Amino acid sequence: MTPETLSPDGLPDPLGLPPPAPPLQQVDLFALDQEGLAAQLKAWGEPAFRAKQLHKWIHERHAGRFSDMTDLPAALRRRLEAEARLGVLEVEAEQRSKDGTRKRLYRLPDGQLIESVLMPYADGRQTACISSQAGCAMACAFCATGQMGFARQLSAAEIAEQAWRFDQELKAEGQRLSNVVLMGMGEPFHNFDAVVAAIGRLNRDIGIGARHITVSTVGLVPQIYAFAELGLQVKLAVSLHSARDEERSALMPINRRWPIRELMAACRHYANRSGRRVSFEWALIAGKNDSVEEATRLGELLAHMRCHVNLIPLNPTGGYAEAPGSPEAAAAFVATLESMGVPATVRVRRGIDIDAGCGQLKSEVMRRQRAAAAAQAST
């Protein structure tokens, strides 16, 4: 006697038909390097040279569709259309600023949401700010991403794909991606191995030079030392925001684990080992860390170090009520640092008219979704 055929809901199927086959899982070709492509194509019975052709279409000719890959056999293109895909990111929401900034919210296959930003500058630079995690575990008080908590790590391919997508679009417009900063959602050094692998892909597959890649950290000291030993020539940016341990710990809980003295020792090691200056990020918060006295403390902390200070007027979020420092306070802060031999600039703010701050677009989309769900439940 054969087992009774069940319908998809688990009940006996009166027609005796087998349940439908599960949907075909498509292979993400963007996630594969040339060796991985060769292995996949070999499994399909294709000659080895097809992998090189396919890799070239993806990373040099910037094909957006398999049908565009005209030197591949028609049968292979049809199989690629059916069984493969280029990347996994799906656009959930997008905003464009009047200054040209593009802000993307991407949905991952498991439903997680991450953000990426493309920022154009007057000197021709096109800089992508990309995420390394879905959410963040660092819980910095003023950060929208930190306020939403940690969901999961991103893979190297998920990290690199964010930059690749912007590069594809720019090249279709006759431009190219020139810089990448890992300053989006997440703490890059909390996802160390995937970030290092993604940097390799940015350099090798997209053509972004190491000196045009910046990794930002809240101050994971062991990872700063480990990163220095890789000799990558990548710029290191450290979120500092206070020169005093008590105040910094209130803003950034990670400081309780690795206080400023230990962080500065790691940063000096990185600067000496790499020969590159370290960039310190400082969010100017009115009445908190924007005074001349605080600038003097910072100047003393950074004395005789190969470094640069980026001052960023605070981008307010719903979970942090403080206000940004004024332009006058910023100018006095810069003047004080420079008088002490510490170079500093006020960062040009991009995308002010949209939710361009890290985590803000995701927070707004999630708020709308919750409101819609609540409204539907009440009807």
Foldseek 3Di string as FASTA:
>chain_A
DDDFAAEPVGHGDPVSDHYDDDAAAAAAPLVDDLVRLQVVVVVVVHDSVVSVLVLCCVQPVLDQALVVSVVDDPVVSVVCVRHHHHDFWDFPDWDAFPQGKIKTWTAGPVGQIWIKIWHADPVGAIEIAFEFFRAEAFLQQFALSSVVHGDGGDALSNGLVSQSVVQSVQVVVVGGHAAYEDPFHYFCLVVPVRSVVNLVCCCPRRNHQQCRYEHEHCFPQVSLQVVLVVLRLHAYEYEQQFLDLVLRCVRTVCCVVPPPVSRLVSQQSSCVSNVAAHEYEHAAWPPRQLALVRLLSVLVSCQPGRYEYEYEFRDGDPSDPTGGDDPVSVVSSQVSNVVSVHHYDYDDDPPSVHLPGHNRVVVVVVVVVVVVVVVVVVD
